Amino acid sequence: MEPPDYELPDEQVAQHPLAQRDAARLLVALGGTVRHLSVADLPSLLGPGDLVVLNTSRVLPARLRLAKQSGGAAEVLLLEPVPGEPGAWEALVRPGRRLAPGTVLYARGGRAVLEVGERLEAGNRVVRSLVPDLGDFGTVALPPYIRAPLADPERYQTVYADNPGSVAAPTAGLHLTEEVLAGCRAAGAGVAGVDLAVGLGTFRPIKAGPVEDHTMHAERYEVPPATWEACQAARRVLAVGTTTVRALESAATTGRLSGRTELFVQPGFRFSVVDVLLTNFHQPRSTLLVLLEAFAGPRWRQLYEVALAEKYRFLSFGDAMLVDRGGRAAPSGA
């Protein structure tokens, strides 16, 4: 099948987060009806037996702007730690061809920060830290479609971010506040967490060929036993974000609550855990949009047409949608 596609006007790509997180608009598509609410209204859509599952991964300050000893600029984007080698990371390095293995890169002020190592498949490199914490020299790596600087880096973190490990934010959770989560609990819903380290591959478009030929990146995930047990007991599982879907459905598919997953959710996938999805509006031809089509069915296109016509804000700092699984009626009380 061809990747799902649509026309996204530049003016509807959000460049800044809203001043109040839960003021983001929420397109609610449950049980065949469409309503326009805000994320602050989420507790009113929940009740006893519902379970809200969050991805608690924290975004690393993964982009390092450094220099060679000669003064030439270099940029390193940390992707994930190299297993079994403390202080070593798999990374993207630019300009890669001019940085031979053994090249040392320096911070402003002259401190040696890391050494560039061997080349890996797909053009990635190993880099080895020369300082106690590379994060002290980095900043969060915003998606390339966000051109405006971010005044407060914490706005690219969820309020419940815990375990550092992601290169990009699990952006659906950016809308949630402690007050919204407290409201969900007061409505009788449970709240639980998973940890999936979001990699850059999540946001890479499907460039050519059918969806089936796309190679999905691997990501580390962990589903705590208590979260898994709560999912089995829940009347309805609401996943906050596609990364939470990937973690939960990977656990169901493999039978393992932790590990690395290459699961590529696409039309025809049989969902075992997630009933409702809270998600942002995604880029055309992205694997995230493929997941949405698998989850919601072909109606995703009609919902996006509504969102575009109603001037919803799209992508990482944009608005959100709450949608149930394709072909399912909404439970009573929704």
Protein backbone atom coordinates (compact mmCIF):
# COMPACT_ATOMS: atom_id res chain seq x y z
CA MET A 1 0.00 0.00 0.00
CA GLU A 2 1.04 3.60 -0.57
CA PRO A 3 1.89 5.67 2.54
CA PRO A 4 -1.05 7.75 3.78
CA ASP A 5 -0.71 11.28 2.50
CA TYR A 6 -2.47 14.65 2.66
CA GLU A 7 -1.74 18.33 2.05
CA LEU A 8 -0.55 20.13 5.20
CA PRO A 9 -0.45 23.93 4.92
CA ASP A 10 2.65 25.48 6.49
CA GLU A 11 0.52 27.89 8.50
CA GLN A 12 -1.09 25.01 10.42
CA VAL A 13 2.22 23.61 11.66
CA ALA A 14 2.48 24.85 15.26
CA GLN A 15 5.75 26.66 15.93
CA HIS A 16 5.20 27.33 19.64
CA PRO A 17 3.57 25.44 22.52
CA LEU A 18 0.50 27.08 24.02
CA ALA A 19 0.95 29.05 27.23
CA GLN A 20 -1.33 26.55 29.01
CA ARG A 21 -0.69 22.93 28.10
CA ASP A 22 -4.25 21.64 28.51
CA ALA A 23 -5.73 24.52 26.49
CA ALA A 24 -4.85 22.54 23.34
CA ARG A 25 -7.91 21.71 21.29
CA LEU A 26 -9.12 18.11 21.30
CA LEU A 27 -10.98 16.60 18.35
CA VAL A 28 -13.01 13.81 19.96
CA ALA A 29 -14.00 10.97 17.60
CA LEU A 30 -15.65 8.31 19.75
CA GLY A 31 -18.51 6.07 18.70
CA GLY A 32 -18.95 7.61 15.27
CA THR A 33 -19.50 11.19 16.46
CA VAL A 34 -17.13 14.16 16.31
CA ARG A 35 -16.90 16.86 18.98
CA HIS A 36 -14.56 19.79 19.49
CA LEU A 37 -13.34 20.07 23.09
CA SER A 38 -10.03 20.83 24.80
CA VAL A 39 -7.54 18.55 26.53
CA ALA A 40 -8.74 20.00 29.85
CA ASP A 41 -12.05 18.19 29.15
CA LEU A 42 -10.42 14.74 29.02
CA PRO A 43 -11.55 13.69 32.56
CA SER A 44 -15.19 14.21 31.54
CA LEU A 45 -14.76 11.51 28.88
CA LEU A 46 -13.49 8.88 31.34
CA GLY A 47 -14.98 6.76 34.09
CA PRO A 48 -14.43 3.74 36.34
CA GLY A 49 -12.70 0.90 34.56
CA ASP A 50 -10.77 3.16 32.20
CA LEU A 51 -6.97 3.15 32.27
CA VAL A 52 -4.83 6.01 30.95
CA VAL A 53 -1.33 4.83 30.00
CA LEU A 54 1.53 7.34 29.61
CA ASN A 55 5.03 7.11 28.14
CA THR A 56 7.19 8.47 30.97
CA SER A 57 10.42 8.67 28.97
CA ARG A 58 12.33 11.94 29.32
CA VAL A 59 13.98 13.70 26.38
CA LEU A 60 17.76 13.82 26.48
CA PRO A 61 19.70 17.03 25.73
CA ALA A 62 20.97 15.06 22.74
CA ARG A 63 22.16 17.77 20.31
CA LEU A 64 25.74 18.87 20.91
CA ARG A 65 27.21 21.76 18.94
CA LEU A 66 30.97 21.36 19.18
CA ALA A 67 34.13 22.12 17.23
CA LYS A 68 37.27 20.43 16.00
CA GLN A 69 40.63 21.51 17.39
CA SER A 70 41.07 23.57 14.22
CA GLY A 71 37.90 25.49 15.03
CA GLY A 72 35.68 23.89 12.37
CA ALA A 73 32.11 23.40 13.52
CA ALA A 74 30.67 19.95 14.17
CA GLU A 75 27.33 18.70 15.42
CA VAL A 76 26.58 15.45 17.22
CA LEU A 77 23.13 14.03 17.80
CA LEU A 78 23.14 11.27 20.40
CA LEU A 79 20.78 8.41 19.53
CA GLU A 80 21.22 5.73 22.18
CA PRO A 81 23.90 4.23 24.46
CA VAL A 82 26.09 1.46 23.08
CA PRO A 83 25.28 -1.67 25.10
CA GLY A 84 28.12 -2.86 27.32
CA GLU A 85 30.34 0.18 26.75
CA PRO A 86 29.80 2.90 29.37
CA GLY A 87 30.15 6.40 27.97
CA ALA A 88 29.76 5.29 24.35
CA TRP A 89 26.83 6.36 22.18
CA GLU A 90 25.51 5.67 18.73
CA ALA A 91 25.14 9.08 17.11
CA LEU A 92 24.66 11.12 13.97
CA VAL A 93 27.73 13.26 13.30
CA ARG A 94 28.08 16.17 10.91
CA PRO A 95 30.11 16.72 8.81
CA GLY A 96 30.64 12.97 9.04
CA ARG A 97 33.02 12.55 6.10
CA ARG A 98 35.42 15.12 7.53
CA LEU A 99 35.55 13.58 10.99
CA ALA A 100 37.88 10.60 10.92
CA PRO A 101 37.80 8.03 13.74
CA GLY A 102 39.83 9.40 16.63
CA THR A 103 38.81 13.04 16.06
CA VAL A 104 38.28 14.87 19.35
CA LEU A 105 35.52 17.49 19.53
CA TYR A 106 35.58 20.43 21.92
CA ALA A 107 33.07 22.69 23.64
CA ARG A 108 33.28 26.45 23.57
CA GLY A 109 36.08 27.29 25.97
CA GLY A 110 38.28 24.46 24.77
CA ARG A 111 37.17 21.52 26.90
CA ALA A 112 37.46 18.14 25.16
CA VAL A 113 33.97 16.60 25.19
CA LEU A 114 34.01 13.46 23.07
CA GLU A 115 35.96 11.38 20.60
CA VAL A 116 34.42 10.34 17.30
CA GLY A 117 34.70 6.59 16.72
CA GLU A 118 33.97 4.00 14.08
CA ARG A 119 31.31 4.12 11.40
CA LEU A 120 28.20 1.97 11.71
CA GLU A 121 25.52 0.90 9.27
CA ALA A 122 23.22 3.59 7.86
CA GLY A 123 25.92 6.22 8.35
CA ASN A 124 25.75 6.42 12.14
CA ARG A 125 28.89 6.69 14.28
CA VAL A 126 30.06 5.63 17.70
CA VAL A 127 31.16 8.54 19.91
CA ARG A 128 32.88 8.15 23.28
CA SER A 129 32.46 10.62 26.09
CA LEU A 130 35.46 12.40 27.60
CA VAL A 131 33.35 14.10 30.30
CA PRO A 132 31.18 12.75 33.15
CA ASP A 133 27.90 13.74 31.46
CA LEU A 134 27.52 14.62 27.79
CA GLY A 135 24.11 16.10 28.57
CA ASP A 136 25.85 19.03 30.26
CA PHE A 137 26.94 20.16 26.79
CA GLY A 138 23.74 19.48 24.86
CA THR A 139 20.28 20.83 24.14
CA VAL A 140 17.04 19.06 23.21
CA ALA A 141 16.75 18.37 19.50
CA LEU A 142 13.52 19.89 18.22
CA PRO A 143 12.00 18.46 15.02
CA PRO A 144 13.24 20.23 11.86
CA TYR A 145 9.80 21.63 11.04
CA ILE A 146 9.92 23.73 14.24
CA ARG A 147 11.91 26.76 13.16
CA ALA A 148 11.25 29.02 16.15
CA PRO A 149 13.53 28.78 19.22
CA LEU A 150 12.03 27.28 22.37
CA ALA A 151 12.10 29.72 25.28
CA ASP A 152 11.63 27.02 27.94
CA PRO A 153 13.16 23.58 27.19
CA GLU A 154 10.80 21.99 29.72
CA ARG A 155 7.94 22.63 27.30
CA TYR A 156 9.41 19.80 25.19
CA GLN A 157 9.07 17.49 28.20
CA THR A 158 5.91 15.98 29.65
CA VAL A 159 5.09 16.96 33.23
CA TYR A 160 5.58 13.31 34.24
CA ALA A 161 8.85 12.71 32.33
CA ASP A 162 11.05 10.44 34.42
CA ASN A 163 13.67 8.21 32.84
CA PRO A 164 16.02 10.02 30.39
CA GLY A 165 16.37 8.09 27.16
CA SER A 166 14.42 9.67 24.29
CA VAL A 167 15.78 11.78 21.47
CA ALA A 168 12.32 13.16 20.68
CA ALA A 169 9.36 13.82 22.96
CA PRO A 170 6.30 11.58 23.20
CA THR A 171 4.39 14.63 22.06
CA ALA A 172 0.77 13.64 22.78
CA GLY A 173 1.66 13.82 26.47
CA LEU A 174 2.86 17.42 26.20
CA HIS A 175 -0.77 18.54 26.58
CA LEU A 176 -1.37 16.86 29.92
CA THR A 177 -1.08 18.62 33.28
CA GLU A 178 -1.09 17.35 36.84
CA GLU A 179 -4.60 18.82 37.14
CA VAL A 180 -5.85 16.86 34.12
CA LEU A 181 -4.34 13.64 35.45
CA ALA A 182 -5.85 14.29 38.89
CA GLY A 183 -9.19 14.84 37.16
CA CYS A 184 -8.85 11.50 35.37
CA ARG A 185 -8.29 9.76 38.70
CA ALA A 186 -11.20 11.63 40.29
CA ALA A 187 -13.42 10.38 37.44
CA GLY A 188 -12.55 6.82 38.46
CA ALA A 189 -9.90 6.10 35.81
CA GLY A 190 -6.52 4.61 36.58
CA VAL A 191 -3.24 6.16 35.40
CA ALA A 192 -0.18 4.01 34.65
CA GLY A 193 3.11 4.35 32.82
CA VAL A 194 5.37 2.63 30.31
CA ASP A 195 8.82 3.65 29.11
CA LEU A 196 9.65 3.70 25.41
CA ALA A 197 12.79 5.54 24.29
CA VAL A 198 11.62 7.59 21.32
CA GLY A 199 14.15 7.63 18.50
CA LEU A 200 14.44 9.93 15.49
CA GLY A 201 13.32 7.14 13.19
CA THR A 202 9.80 7.55 14.56
CA PHE A 203 9.51 10.82 12.66
CA ARG A 204 11.28 9.91 9.45
CA PRO A 205 8.94 9.85 6.45
CA ILE A 206 8.44 6.83 4.25
CA LYS A 207 10.39 8.17 1.30
CA ALA A 208 9.72 5.70 -1.49
CA GLY A 209 7.97 2.46 -2.28
CA PRO A 210 5.10 0.76 -0.51
CA VAL A 211 4.61 0.87 3.26
CA GLU A 212 5.42 -2.83 3.50
CA ASP A 213 8.99 -2.21 2.29
CA HIS A 214 9.78 0.38 4.96
CA THR A 215 12.32 -0.72 7.57
CA MET A 216 11.19 0.30 11.04
CA HIS A 217 13.77 1.46 13.56
CA ALA A 218 14.17 -0.39 16.85
CA GLU A 219 13.37 1.25 20.18
CA ARG A 220 13.89 0.16 23.77
CA TYR A 221 10.71 -0.34 25.79
CA GLU A 222 9.63 -1.44 29.25
CA VAL A 223 6.11 -2.17 30.49
CA PRO A 224 6.08 -2.51 34.30
CA PRO A 225 4.25 -5.64 35.50
CA ALA A 226 1.78 -3.47 37.44
CA THR A 227 0.91 -1.55 34.26
CA TRP A 228 0.42 -4.79 32.33
CA GLU A 229 -1.84 -6.21 35.02
CA ALA A 230 -3.87 -2.98 35.07
CA CYS A 231 -4.30 -3.20 31.27
CA GLN A 232 -5.64 -6.75 31.54
CA ALA A 233 -8.15 -5.69 34.19
CA ALA A 234 -9.27 -2.45 32.49
CA ARG A 235 -12.61 -1.94 30.78
CA ARG A 236 -10.93 0.39 28.29
CA VAL A 237 -7.25 1.24 27.76
CA LEU A 238 -6.49 4.78 26.58
CA ALA A 239 -2.94 5.13 25.26
CA VAL A 240 -1.44 8.62 25.33
CA GLY A 241 0.55 8.72 22.12
CA THR A 242 1.65 6.31 19.43
CA THR A 243 4.80 5.43 21.41
CA THR A 244 2.63 4.10 24.24
CA VAL A 245 0.69 2.04 21.69
CA ARG A 246 3.95 0.62 20.37
CA ALA A 247 5.15 -0.35 23.85
CA LEU A 248 1.90 -2.03 24.89
CA GLU A 249 1.29 -3.84 21.63
CA SER A 250 4.94 -4.95 21.48
CA ALA A 251 4.53 -6.55 24.89
CA ALA A 252 1.38 -8.29 23.69
CA THR A 253 2.97 -9.44 20.41
CA THR A 254 6.24 -10.74 21.86
CA GLY A 255 5.11 -11.82 25.31
CA ARG A 256 7.99 -9.79 26.78
CA LEU A 257 7.46 -6.78 29.02
CA SER A 258 10.82 -5.26 28.11
CA GLY A 259 13.38 -5.34 25.35
CA ARG A 260 13.83 -3.78 21.92
CA THR A 261 10.98 -3.60 19.45
CA GLU A 262 10.91 -3.24 15.69
CA LEU A 263 7.11 -3.51 15.60
CA PHE A 264 5.68 -1.58 12.64
CA VAL A 265 1.95 -1.17 13.20
CA GLN A 266 0.20 -0.91 9.84
CA PRO A 267 -3.25 -1.70 8.43
CA GLY A 268 -4.20 -5.29 9.14
CA PHE A 269 -2.51 -5.31 12.55
CA ARG A 270 -4.64 -6.89 15.28
CA PHE A 271 -4.63 -4.71 18.39
CA SER A 272 -4.66 -6.66 21.64
CA VAL A 273 -4.45 -3.94 24.31
CA VAL A 274 -5.30 -0.39 23.24
CA ASP A 275 -8.93 0.71 22.79
CA VAL A 276 -8.62 4.51 22.59
CA LEU A 277 -5.77 6.71 21.39
CA LEU A 278 -4.92 10.29 22.36
CA THR A 279 -2.56 11.54 19.67
CA ASN A 280 -1.32 14.63 17.88
CA PHE A 281 -1.86 15.29 14.18
CA HIS A 282 1.01 13.69 12.28
CA GLN A 283 3.14 14.42 9.25
CA PRO A 284 2.09 13.12 5.83
CA ARG A 285 3.68 9.80 4.81
CA SER A 286 4.96 9.10 8.33
CA THR A 287 4.97 5.79 10.18
CA LEU A 288 2.87 7.51 12.87
CA LEU A 289 0.14 8.21 10.32
CA VAL A 290 0.35 4.57 9.19
CA LEU A 291 -0.25 3.53 12.81
CA LEU A 292 -3.25 5.87 13.03
CA GLU A 293 -4.71 4.38 9.85
CA ALA A 294 -4.23 0.90 11.28
CA PHE A 295 -5.96 1.95 14.49
CA ALA A 296 -8.80 4.17 13.29
CA GLY A 297 -9.29 2.83 9.79
CA PRO A 298 -9.85 4.94 6.66
CA ARG A 299 -11.89 7.49 8.63
CA TRP A 300 -8.58 9.09 9.68
CA ARG A 301 -8.72 11.01 6.41
CA GLN A 302 -12.15 12.50 7.14
CA LEU A 303 -11.02 13.44 10.65
CA TYR A 304 -7.93 15.19 9.29
CA GLU A 305 -10.08 17.05 6.76
CA VAL A 306 -12.25 18.27 9.64
CA ALA A 307 -9.18 19.29 11.66
CA LEU A 308 -7.70 21.21 8.72
CA ALA A 309 -11.00 22.96 7.98
CA GLU A 310 -11.41 23.89 11.65
CA LYS A 311 -7.85 25.29 11.79
CA TYR A 312 -6.45 22.84 14.32
CA ARG A 313 -2.72 23.18 14.93
CA PHE A 314 -0.62 20.24 13.66
CA LEU A 315 2.50 18.27 14.66
CA SER A 316 4.54 18.32 17.88
CA PHE A 317 3.29 21.57 19.45
CA GLY A 318 -0.14 21.33 17.87
CA ASP A 319 -3.55 20.14 19.03
CA ALA A 320 -4.72 16.59 19.65
CA MET A 321 -7.29 13.98 18.72
CA LEU A 322 -9.03 11.32 20.81
CA VAL A 323 -10.13 8.40 18.66
CA ASP A 324 -11.37 4.87 19.30
CA ARG A 325 -10.40 1.77 17.39
CA GLY A 326 -11.90 1.41 13.93
CA GLY A 327 -15.18 -0.52 13.85
CA ARG A 328 -15.75 -0.31 17.61
CA ALA A 329 -18.60 1.44 19.29
CA ALA A 330 -17.78 3.68 22.23
CA PRO A 331 -18.46 2.09 25.63
CA SER A 332 -21.43 3.46 27.51
CA GLY A 333 -20.66 6.66 29.38
CA ALA A 334 -18.10 7.84 26.83
